[in-house]
Amino acid sequence: MKPSRKDPMIASAIDRNAFNAFGRTRTASINNDICVMCGKAVGQFRDNLSLKEYTISGMCQVCQDGFFGE
């Protein structure tokens, strides 16, 4: 998959914060189909909105559910 487009400075800040928090960047995680939070393969998404969220945040369905309280 490909990460959603962001201003380069914003993308850099997000990647820096993700690396500090999880040991991996959002961009690399999405490019490699892994979750930025848990580091596991992303697997399936419940719907297109969850898939779109993955391209924005890099979170798999399980981590999205935990983060957003689903």
C-alpha atoms as a PDB file:
ATOM      1  CA  MET A   1       0.000   0.000   0.000  1.00  0.00           C
ATOM      2  CA  LYS A   2       0.952   3.626  -0.234  1.00  0.00           C
ATOM      3  CA  PRO A   3       0.769   6.216   2.543  1.00  0.00           C
ATOM      4  CA  SER A   4      -1.674   9.081   2.109  1.00  0.00           C
ATOM      5  CA  ARG A   5      -0.060  12.235   0.779  1.00  0.00           C
ATOM      6  CA  LYS A   6       1.045  14.760   3.361  1.00  0.00           C
ATOM      7  CA  ASP A   7       3.170  17.872   3.299  1.00  0.00           C
ATOM      8  CA  PRO A   8       6.791  16.648   3.497  1.00  0.00           C
ATOM      9  CA  MET A   9       7.411  18.474   6.784  1.00  0.00           C
ATOM     10  CA  ILE A  10       4.285  16.937   8.342  1.00  0.00           C
ATOM     11  CA  ALA A  11       5.192  13.464   7.053  1.00  0.00           C
ATOM     12  CA  SER A  12       8.682  13.837   8.495  1.00  0.00           C
ATOM     13  CA  ALA A  13       7.340  14.900  11.900  1.00  0.00           C
ATOM     14  CA  ILE A  14       4.850  11.996  11.969  1.00  0.00           C
ATOM     15  CA  ASP A  15       7.579   9.521  11.005  1.00  0.00           C
ATOM     16  CA  ARG A  16       9.922  10.893  13.674  1.00  0.00           C
ATOM     17  CA  ASN A  17       7.229  10.632  16.360  1.00  0.00           C
ATOM     18  CA  ALA A  18       6.195   7.143  15.248  1.00  0.00           C
ATOM     19  CA  PHE A  19       9.803   5.986  15.312  1.00  0.00           C
ATOM     20  CA  ASN A  20      10.288   7.384  18.810  1.00  0.00           C
ATOM     21  CA  ALA A  21       7.079   5.716  20.033  1.00  0.00           C
ATOM     22  CA  PHE A  22       7.136   2.385  18.166  1.00  0.00           C
ATOM     23  CA  GLY A  23      10.609   1.932  16.690  1.00  0.00           C
ATOM     24  CA  ARG A  24       9.379   2.194  13.094  1.00  0.00           C
ATOM     25  CA  THR A  25       8.105   4.952  10.844  1.00  0.00           C
ATOM     26  CA  ARG A  26       4.574   5.324   9.542  1.00  0.00           C
ATOM     27  CA  THR A  27       5.808   5.593   5.951  1.00  0.00           C
ATOM     28  CA  ALA A  28       7.966   2.455   6.041  1.00  0.00           C
ATOM     29  CA  SER A  29       5.245   0.526   7.883  1.00  0.00           C
ATOM     30  CA  ILE A  30       2.609   1.317   5.267  1.00  0.00           C
ATOM     31  CA  ASN A  31       5.008   0.652   2.379  1.00  0.00           C
ATOM     32  CA  ASN A  32       5.734  -2.785   3.906  1.00  0.00           C
ATOM     33  CA  ASP A  33       2.130  -3.621   4.893  1.00  0.00           C
ATOM     34  CA  ILE A  34       2.843  -3.784   8.615  1.00  0.00           C
ATOM     35  CA  CYS A  35       1.225  -1.950  11.504  1.00  0.00           C
ATOM     36  CA  VAL A  36       3.155   1.008  12.853  1.00  0.00           C
ATOM     37  CA  MET A  37       1.964   0.263  16.403  1.00  0.00           C
ATOM     38  CA  CYS A  38       2.201  -3.514  16.828  1.00  0.00           C
ATOM     39  CA  GLY A  39       4.566  -4.359  13.961  1.00  0.00           C
ATOM     40  CA  LYS A  40       2.408  -7.247  12.695  1.00  0.00           C
ATOM     41  CA  ALA A  41       1.232  -7.804   9.112  1.00  0.00           C
ATOM     42  CA  VAL A  42      -1.864  -5.667   8.542  1.00  0.00           C
ATOM     43  CA  GLY A  43      -4.162  -8.441   7.310  1.00  0.00           C
ATOM     44  CA  GLN A  44      -7.759  -7.592   6.448  1.00  0.00           C
ATOM     45  CA  PHE A  45      -9.724  -4.435   7.162  1.00  0.00           C
ATOM     46  CA  ARG A  46     -13.371  -4.304   8.162  1.00  0.00           C
ATOM     47  CA  ASP A  47     -14.325  -1.744   5.498  1.00  0.00           C
ATOM     48  CA  ASN A  48     -12.973   0.900   3.129  1.00  0.00           C
ATOM     49  CA  LEU A  49     -12.957   3.535   5.867  1.00  0.00           C
ATOM     50  CA  SER A  50     -10.644   1.364   8.005  1.00  0.00           C
ATOM     51  CA  LEU A  51      -8.410   0.765   4.991  1.00  0.00           C
ATOM     52  CA  LYS A  52      -8.258   4.514   4.363  1.00  0.00           C
ATOM     53  CA  GLU A  53      -7.376   5.067   8.026  1.00  0.00           C
ATOM     54  CA  TYR A  54      -4.471   2.650   7.594  1.00  0.00           C
ATOM     55  CA  THR A  55      -3.052   4.789   4.788  1.00  0.00           C
ATOM     56  CA  ILE A  56      -3.338   7.819   7.085  1.00  0.00           C
ATOM     57  CA  SER A  57      -2.140   6.424  10.424  1.00  0.00           C
ATOM     58  CA  GLY A  58      -0.466   3.096   9.652  1.00  0.00           C
ATOM     59  CA  MET A  59      -2.584   1.222  12.239  1.00  0.00           C
ATOM     60  CA  CYS A  60      -3.921  -2.272  11.513  1.00  0.00           C
ATOM     61  CA  GLN A  61      -7.577  -3.092  12.196  1.00  0.00           C
ATOM     62  CA  VAL A  62      -6.859  -4.489  15.668  1.00  0.00           C
ATOM     63  CA  CYS A  63      -4.873  -1.398  16.699  1.00  0.00           C
ATOM     64  CA  GLN A  64      -7.487   0.909  15.176  1.00  0.00           C
ATOM     65  CA  ASP A  65     -10.178  -0.859  17.196  1.00  0.00           C
ATOM     66  CA  GLY A  66      -8.160  -0.471  20.369  1.00  0.00           C
ATOM     67  CA  PHE A  67      -7.240   3.143  19.693  1.00  0.00           C
ATOM     68  CA  PHE A  68     -10.702   4.304  18.627  1.00  0.00           C
ATOM     69  CA  GLY A  69     -12.565   2.091  21.113  1.00  0.00           C
ATOM     70  CA  GLU A  70     -14.402  -0.144  18.656  1.00  0.00           C
END
